[in-house]
Protein backbone atom coordinates (compact mmCIF):
# COMPACT_ATOMS: atom_id res chain seq x y z
CA LEU A 1 -8.34 -148.82 -27.41
CA LEU A 2 -6.18 -151.82 -27.20
CA ALA A 3 -7.07 -151.97 -23.22
CA GLU A 4 -10.90 -152.08 -24.46
CA ARG A 5 -10.56 -154.89 -26.70
CA THR A 6 -8.76 -156.51 -24.27
CA ASN A 7 -10.92 -156.31 -21.23
CA LEU A 8 -13.91 -156.58 -22.66
CA ALA A 9 -12.97 -159.45 -25.57
CA GLY A 10 -13.85 -162.92 -23.33
CA VAL A 11 -17.37 -161.22 -23.15
CA ARG A 12 -20.02 -162.60 -25.27
CA HIS A 13 -22.96 -160.68 -24.86
CA ILE A 14 -23.37 -157.02 -23.10
CA LEU A 15 -27.16 -156.17 -22.16
CA LEU A 16 -28.33 -152.75 -20.14
CA VAL A 17 -30.35 -151.95 -17.69
CA LEU A 18 -32.60 -148.74 -18.25
CA SER A 19 -35.78 -146.87 -17.24
CA GLY A 20 -37.11 -143.26 -17.64
CA LYS A 21 -36.63 -143.07 -13.33
CA GLY A 22 -35.96 -144.89 -10.26
CA GLY A 23 -37.11 -147.02 -8.31
CA VAL A 24 -38.51 -149.69 -10.85
CA GLY A 25 -36.59 -152.18 -10.26
CA LYS A 26 -33.62 -152.33 -11.61
CA SER A 27 -30.98 -153.21 -9.83
CA THR A 28 -33.22 -156.33 -8.04
CA LEU A 29 -33.91 -157.41 -11.62
CA SER A 30 -30.03 -156.92 -13.15
CA THR A 31 -29.43 -158.75 -9.94
CA GLU A 32 -32.45 -162.01 -10.70
CA LEU A 33 -31.16 -161.88 -14.19
CA ALA A 34 -27.38 -162.82 -13.29
CA LEU A 35 -28.71 -165.34 -10.59
CA ALA A 36 -30.94 -166.75 -13.32
CA LEU A 37 -28.04 -166.71 -15.88
CA ARG A 38 -25.16 -168.73 -13.27
CA ASN A 39 -28.09 -170.94 -12.25
CA ALA A 40 -28.83 -172.22 -16.13
CA GLY A 41 -24.59 -172.54 -16.22
CA LYS A 42 -23.46 -168.72 -17.53
CA ARG A 43 -20.73 -167.01 -16.72
CA VAL A 44 -22.07 -163.77 -15.47
CA GLY A 45 -20.42 -160.19 -14.74
CA ILE A 46 -22.65 -157.54 -13.72
CA LEU A 47 -21.13 -153.68 -14.13
CA ASP A 48 -22.93 -150.99 -11.91
CA VAL A 49 -23.08 -147.57 -12.69
CA ASP A 50 -25.59 -146.03 -10.80
CA LEU A 51 -23.22 -144.09 -9.54
CA CYS A 52 -25.10 -142.64 -7.02
CA GLY A 53 -27.11 -145.08 -6.34
CA PRO A 54 -25.05 -148.74 -5.97
CA SER A 55 -27.06 -151.19 -4.84
CA ILE A 56 -26.26 -154.08 -5.95
CA PRO A 57 -23.03 -155.12 -4.05
CA ARG A 58 -25.74 -155.61 -0.70
CA MET A 59 -28.05 -157.40 -2.67
CA LEU A 60 -25.17 -160.33 -3.20
CA ARG A 61 -23.90 -159.71 0.11
CA VAL A 62 -20.75 -158.65 -0.75
CA GLN A 63 -20.55 -154.62 0.45
CA ASP A 64 -17.74 -155.37 2.12
CA SER A 65 -15.50 -156.66 -0.11
CA ALA A 66 -12.14 -154.65 -1.88
CA VAL A 67 -11.58 -154.65 -5.83
CA HIS A 68 -7.86 -155.08 -6.40
CA GLN A 69 -5.11 -154.34 -9.05
CA CYS A 70 -3.57 -156.63 -11.58
CA ASP A 71 -1.62 -156.17 -15.17
CA SER A 72 -4.57 -155.52 -17.09
CA GLY A 73 -7.10 -153.35 -14.48
CA TRP A 74 -9.02 -153.99 -11.64
CA VAL A 75 -10.06 -157.59 -10.56
CA PRO A 76 -14.24 -157.77 -10.56
CA VAL A 77 -15.80 -158.98 -7.10
CA PHE A 78 -16.55 -162.64 -7.47
CA VAL A 79 -20.23 -164.04 -6.00
CA GLY A 80 -20.79 -166.58 -4.39
CA GLN A 81 -18.89 -170.38 -3.82
CA ASP A 82 -18.83 -170.80 -6.87
CA LYS A 83 -17.79 -166.93 -7.85
CA ALA A 84 -19.47 -167.00 -10.92
CA ILE A 85 -20.64 -163.67 -10.74
CA ALA A 86 -18.25 -160.31 -11.40
CA LEU A 87 -19.50 -157.63 -10.32
CA MET A 88 -17.75 -154.47 -10.23
CA SER A 89 -19.70 -151.26 -9.14
CA ILE A 90 -18.54 -147.63 -7.51
CA GLY A 91 -19.36 -149.30 -3.75
CA PHE A 92 -16.39 -151.28 -3.72
CA LEU A 93 -14.54 -147.98 -4.24
CA LEU A 94 -15.92 -145.86 -1.14
CA GLU A 95 -14.47 -145.42 2.04
CA ARG A 96 -17.83 -146.10 3.85
CA PRO A 97 -20.97 -148.32 1.30
CA ASP A 98 -23.25 -145.35 2.69
CA ASP A 99 -21.06 -142.37 1.22
CA ALA A 100 -22.42 -140.20 -0.87
CA VAL A 101 -21.35 -139.86 -4.69
CA VAL A 102 -21.25 -135.65 -5.61
CA TRP A 103 -19.76 -135.85 -9.05
CA ARG A 104 -19.85 -133.52 -11.53
CA GLY A 105 -20.79 -134.70 -15.16
CA PRO A 106 -16.86 -134.61 -15.97
CA LYS A 107 -15.56 -136.98 -13.40
CA LYS A 108 -18.61 -139.78 -13.52
CA ASN A 109 -18.12 -139.77 -16.46
CA ALA A 110 -14.62 -140.90 -16.63
CA LEU A 111 -15.54 -143.64 -13.95
CA ILE A 112 -17.60 -144.76 -16.35
CA LYS A 113 -15.12 -145.04 -19.37
CA GLN A 114 -12.86 -146.94 -16.95
CA PHE A 115 -15.10 -148.98 -15.66
CA VAL A 116 -15.82 -150.63 -18.91
CA THR A 117 -11.73 -150.19 -20.23
CA ASP A 118 -10.13 -151.03 -17.05
CA VAL A 119 -12.35 -153.89 -15.45
CA ALA A 120 -10.45 -157.33 -16.13
CA TRP A 121 -13.79 -159.35 -17.19
CA GLY A 122 -12.39 -162.82 -18.73
CA ASP A 123 -14.58 -164.35 -19.90
CA LEU A 124 -18.21 -164.01 -19.36
CA ASP A 125 -21.31 -164.59 -20.88
CA PHE A 126 -23.28 -162.03 -20.30
CA LEU A 127 -22.24 -158.56 -18.69
CA ILE A 128 -25.30 -156.85 -17.63
CA VAL A 129 -24.94 -152.92 -16.93
CA ASP A 130 -26.85 -151.67 -14.71
CA THR A 131 -27.92 -148.01 -14.97
CA PRO A 132 -28.97 -145.12 -12.93
CA PRO A 133 -32.78 -143.64 -13.21
CA GLY A 134 -33.87 -141.80 -15.97
CA THR A 135 -31.51 -140.68 -19.45
CA SER A 136 -28.35 -138.88 -17.79
CA ASP A 137 -24.83 -138.27 -19.11
CA GLU A 138 -23.76 -141.20 -17.13
CA HIS A 139 -26.48 -143.70 -20.06
CA ILE A 140 -24.62 -141.62 -23.22
CA SER A 141 -21.04 -142.41 -21.17
CA THR A 142 -22.31 -145.98 -20.99
CA VAL A 143 -23.22 -146.85 -24.61
CA GLU A 144 -20.15 -144.09 -26.59
CA ALA A 145 -17.95 -146.34 -23.72
CA LEU A 146 -19.07 -150.26 -25.29
CA ARG A 147 -19.83 -148.65 -28.95
CA PRO A 148 -16.56 -150.81 -30.25
CA HIS A 149 -18.27 -153.36 -28.57
CA GLN A 150 -21.47 -155.60 -29.41
CA LEU A 151 -24.09 -155.17 -27.54
CA LEU A 152 -26.96 -157.06 -27.25
CA GLY A 153 -30.00 -155.42 -26.21
CA ALA A 154 -31.05 -153.70 -23.67
CA ILE A 155 -34.63 -154.30 -20.64
CA LEU A 156 -36.64 -151.62 -19.84
CA VAL A 157 -38.14 -151.59 -16.79
CA THR A 158 -41.44 -149.77 -16.98
CA THR A 159 -44.06 -149.18 -14.12
CA PRO A 160 -47.48 -150.04 -14.47
CA GLN A 161 -49.12 -146.36 -14.43
């Protein structure tokens, strides 16, 4: 529990981005929101917990980046010349960006918990959490792992139909 408090202690607001189905633009909205907040002078992080479809590294053109270790855990990938967006995604942990992730629930849940507890986010104004489509185990794991921290809220992405 000490590591959890330490690694998210500098994060002021946490926002979940979710939807009931795939293909509605969660990752696009997460990316655009992060860019808009950065342009407003905020320090922003994106936690991509869409384990089977990690698209944010590609959207931000950092898909060839690697994650490194530090004393307090994983160092997120910093995006852009100003390094104002910190990003953590399973996309950085795969040998090839298009590799499929075929895992059962417990392994996915353990990685989500590790993303929440073991990433050295530093000081952020906003942490945007991009979730997978639907209402799966991953959502429950994410919310449970973030429970000790003050969630600002959730953005529910829908389509007109």
